[in-house]
C-alpha atoms as a PDB file:
ATOM      1  CA  MET A   1     192.635  24.192   7.140  1.00  0.00           C
ATOM      2  CA  LYS A   2     191.815  21.869   4.328  1.00  0.00           C
ATOM      3  CA  LEU A   3     194.141  19.214   3.085  1.00  0.00           C
ATOM      4  CA  LEU A   4     194.281  17.147  -0.043  1.00  0.00           C
ATOM      5  CA  ILE A   5     195.377  13.576   0.866  1.00  0.00           C
ATOM      6  CA  CYS A   6     197.185  11.422  -1.505  1.00  0.00           C
ATOM      7  CA  GLU A   7     196.163   8.167  -0.422  1.00  0.00           C
ATOM      8  CA  TRP A   8     197.896   4.763  -1.571  1.00  0.00           C
ATOM      9  CA  ASN A   9     196.530   2.355   1.399  1.00  0.00           C
ATOM     10  CA  ALA A  10     199.205   3.338   4.039  1.00  0.00           C
ATOM     11  CA  PHE A  11     199.092   1.403   7.328  1.00  0.00           C
ATOM     12  CA  MET A  12     198.037   4.496   9.193  1.00  0.00           C
ATOM     13  CA  GLN A  13     195.704   6.086   6.544  1.00  0.00           C
ATOM     14  CA  LYS A  14     192.393   5.294   8.236  1.00  0.00           C
ATOM     15  CA  ASP A  15     193.517   6.382  11.623  1.00  0.00           C
ATOM     16  CA  PHE A  16     194.935   9.568  10.351  1.00  0.00           C
ATOM     17  CA  GLU A  17     191.700  10.417   8.461  1.00  0.00           C
ATOM     18  CA  ALA A  18     189.776   9.597  11.775  1.00  0.00           C
ATOM     19  CA  THR A  19     192.064  12.100  13.680  1.00  0.00           C
ATOM     20  CA  LEU A  20     191.498  14.894  11.168  1.00  0.00           C
ATOM     21  CA  THR A  21     187.821  14.415  11.530  1.00  0.00           C
ATOM     22  CA  GLU A  22     187.805  14.399  15.304  1.00  0.00           C
ATOM     23  CA  HIS A  23     189.832  17.582  15.135  1.00  0.00           C
ATOM     24  CA  HIS A  24     187.568  19.340  12.456  1.00  0.00           C
ATOM     25  CA  ILE A  25     190.264  19.418   9.660  1.00  0.00           C
ATOM     26  CA  ALA A  26     188.677  19.326   6.581  1.00  0.00           C
ATOM     27  CA  PHE A  27     190.145  17.103   3.832  1.00  0.00           C
ATOM     28  CA  LYS A  28     189.648  15.128   0.526  1.00  0.00           C
ATOM     29  CA  GLY A  29     191.355  11.923  -0.409  1.00  0.00           C
ATOM     30  CA  ILE A  30     192.557  11.273  -3.786  1.00  0.00           C
ATOM     31  CA  SER A  31     193.768   7.513  -4.672  1.00  0.00           C
ATOM     32  CA  TYR A  32     196.196   6.643  -7.320  1.00  0.00           C
ATOM     33  CA  ASN A  33     198.516   3.373  -7.899  1.00  0.00           C
ATOM     34  CA  PHE A  34     201.838   4.577  -8.911  1.00  0.00           C
ATOM     35  CA  VAL A  35     203.669   2.906 -11.555  1.00  0.00           C
ATOM     36  CA  ASP A  36     206.667   5.423 -11.232  1.00  0.00           C
ATOM     37  CA  VAL A  37     206.635   7.991  -8.390  1.00  0.00           C
ATOM     38  CA  LYS A  38     208.966  10.268 -10.571  1.00  0.00           C
ATOM     39  CA  ASN A  39     207.415  10.322 -13.741  1.00  0.00           C
ATOM     40  CA  ASP A  40     203.671  10.148 -14.634  1.00  0.00           C
ATOM     41  CA  ASP A  41     202.052  12.950 -16.607  1.00  0.00           C
ATOM     42  CA  TYR A  42     198.367  11.711 -16.040  1.00  0.00           C
ATOM     43  CA  PHE A  43     198.937  11.880 -12.268  1.00  0.00           C
ATOM     44  CA  LYS A  44     200.390  15.259 -12.442  1.00  0.00           C
ATOM     45  CA  TRP A  45     197.804  16.531 -14.664  1.00  0.00           C
ATOM     46  CA  HIS A  46     195.290  14.691 -12.332  1.00  0.00           C
ATOM     47  CA  LEU A  47     196.572  16.207  -8.969  1.00  0.00           C
ATOM     48  CA  THR A  48     196.823  19.782 -10.627  1.00  0.00           C
ATOM     49  CA  GLN A  49     193.041  19.584 -11.604  1.00  0.00           C
ATOM     50  CA  PHE A  50     192.181  18.901  -7.914  1.00  0.00           C
ATOM     51  CA  LEU A  51     194.393  21.720  -6.764  1.00  0.00           C
ATOM     52  CA  HIS A  52     192.346  24.217  -9.438  1.00  0.00           C
ATOM     53  CA  GLU A  53     189.014  22.890  -8.582  1.00  0.00           C
ATOM     54  CA  ASP A  54     188.924  23.809  -4.744  1.00  0.00           C
ATOM     55  CA  HIS A  55     191.034  25.526  -2.108  1.00  0.00           C
ATOM     56  CA  TYR A  56     193.564  23.273  -0.310  1.00  0.00           C
ATOM     57  CA  ASP A  57     196.048  24.648   2.609  1.00  0.00           C
ATOM     58  CA  ALA A  58     198.359  21.729   1.965  1.00  0.00           C
ATOM     59  CA  VAL A  59     198.785  18.297   0.218  1.00  0.00           C
ATOM     60  CA  PHE A  60     199.825  15.465   2.408  1.00  0.00           C
ATOM     61  CA  SER A  61     200.968  12.005   1.763  1.00  0.00           C
ATOM     62  CA  PHE A  62     202.582   9.037   3.850  1.00  0.00           C
ATOM     63  CA  ASN A  63     206.176   8.748   2.580  1.00  0.00           C
ATOM     64  CA  PHE A  64     207.660  11.077   0.107  1.00  0.00           C
ATOM     65  CA  ILE A  65     206.328  11.350  -3.315  1.00  0.00           C
ATOM     66  CA  PRO A  66     208.466  13.265  -5.858  1.00  0.00           C
ATOM     67  CA  LEU A  67     205.530  13.616  -8.207  1.00  0.00           C
ATOM     68  CA  VAL A  68     203.413  15.287  -5.628  1.00  0.00           C
ATOM     69  CA  ALA A  69     206.487  17.429  -4.641  1.00  0.00           C
ATOM     70  CA  SER A  70     206.880  18.588  -8.036  1.00  0.00           C
ATOM     71  CA  VAL A  71     203.288  19.603  -8.600  1.00  0.00           C
ATOM     72  CA  CYS A  72     203.055  21.409  -5.130  1.00  0.00           C
ATOM     73  CA  GLN A  73     206.167  23.234  -6.233  1.00  0.00           C
ATOM     74  CA  LYS A  74     204.711  24.249  -9.575  1.00  0.00           C
ATOM     75  CA  GLU A  75     201.406  25.249  -7.973  1.00  0.00           C
ATOM     76  CA  ASN A  76     203.185  26.926  -4.923  1.00  0.00           C
ATOM     77  CA  ILE A  77     201.066  24.664  -2.365  1.00  0.00           C
ATOM     78  CA  LEU A  78     202.549  23.472   0.857  1.00  0.00           C
ATOM     79  CA  TYR A  79     203.440  19.470   0.579  1.00  0.00           C
ATOM     80  CA  LEU A  80     203.509  17.544   3.944  1.00  0.00           C
ATOM     81  CA  ALA A  81     204.880  14.009   3.783  1.00  0.00           C
ATOM     82  CA  TRP A  82     205.344  11.929   6.774  1.00  0.00           C
ATOM     83  CA  SER A  83     207.970   9.130   6.608  1.00  0.00           C
ATOM     84  CA  TYR A  84     206.826   7.137   9.692  1.00  0.00           C
ATOM     85  CA  ASP A  85     208.291   3.493   8.939  1.00  0.00           C
ATOM     86  CA  ASN A  86     210.776   3.611   6.232  1.00  0.00           C
ATOM     87  CA  PRO A  87     213.664   5.704   5.001  1.00  0.00           C
ATOM     88  CA  LEU A  88     213.285   7.741   1.854  1.00  0.00           C
ATOM     89  CA  ASP A  89     213.830   5.033  -1.034  1.00  0.00           C
ATOM     90  CA  VAL A  90     213.769   7.204  -4.068  1.00  0.00           C
ATOM     91  CA  GLU A  91     216.462   7.386  -6.564  1.00  0.00           C
ATOM     92  CA  ASN A  92     218.021  10.942  -6.423  1.00  0.00           C
ATOM     93  CA  VAL A  93     215.260  12.044  -4.045  1.00  0.00           C
ATOM     94  CA  GLU A  94     217.706  15.138  -3.117  1.00  0.00           C
ATOM     95  CA  GLU A  95     216.628  16.621  -6.350  1.00  0.00           C
ATOM     96  CA  TYR A  96     213.129  17.062  -5.060  1.00  0.00           C
ATOM     97  CA  LEU A  97     213.795  17.449  -1.420  1.00  0.00           C
ATOM     98  CA  GLY A  98     214.928  21.006  -1.585  1.00  0.00           C
ATOM     99  CA  TYR A  99     211.569  22.471  -2.752  1.00  0.00           C
ATOM    100  CA  SER A 100     210.486  25.464  -0.694  1.00  0.00           C
ATOM    101  CA  THR A 101     206.979  24.036  -0.526  1.00  0.00           C
ATOM    102  CA  ASN A 102     208.386  20.836   1.034  1.00  0.00           C
ATOM    103  CA  ARG A 103     207.868  19.930   4.755  1.00  0.00           C
ATOM    104  CA  VAL A 104     209.045  16.204   4.998  1.00  0.00           C
ATOM    105  CA  PHE A 105     209.011  14.540   8.428  1.00  0.00           C
ATOM    106  CA  LEU A 106     211.512  11.569   8.812  1.00  0.00           C
ATOM    107  CA  PHE A 107     211.541   8.990  11.523  1.00  0.00           C
ATOM    108  CA  ASP A 108     215.084   8.104  10.925  1.00  0.00           C
ATOM    109  CA  LYS A 109     217.487  10.449  12.551  1.00  0.00           C
ATOM    110  CA  VAL A 110     220.557   9.298  10.338  1.00  0.00           C
ATOM    111  CA  GLN A 111     218.758   9.987   7.286  1.00  0.00           C
ATOM    112  CA  TYR A 112     217.307  13.216   8.653  1.00  0.00           C
ATOM    113  CA  GLU A 113     221.127  14.426   9.613  1.00  0.00           C
ATOM    114  CA  GLY A 114     222.369  13.396   6.168  1.00  0.00           C
ATOM    115  CA  TYR A 115     219.856  15.378   4.212  1.00  0.00           C
ATOM    116  CA  LYS A 116     220.154  18.267   6.661  1.00  0.00           C
ATOM    117  CA  SER A 117     224.106  18.372   6.056  1.00  0.00           C
ATOM    118  CA  LEU A 118     223.169  18.807   2.459  1.00  0.00           C
ATOM    119  CA  GLY A 119     221.245  21.805   3.003  1.00  0.00           C
END
């Protein structure tokens, strides 16, 4: 397995990468400072280039990033998002959550139940 990790200095980033290394899971990290997590043509182009330059089994990020979800849906690659310490705080997030390529892991049971009830 090989992951492309979208880094943004998350609290658990270094521990996560150490665990991947310990378990012999290959990964490459790309860093980006988002101004708008829903609309950034340069980031979409940049992420698409990374996906075309190498083979990845999935893209991973801490918290859910709609731009990443959009690119992964277009490129038909699995997107893993782990929301470990805060609920999804993205306006109209429902428009992105339903993509077939998403696997979103939420810590907040109430939020999970709410999104689950939407389908």
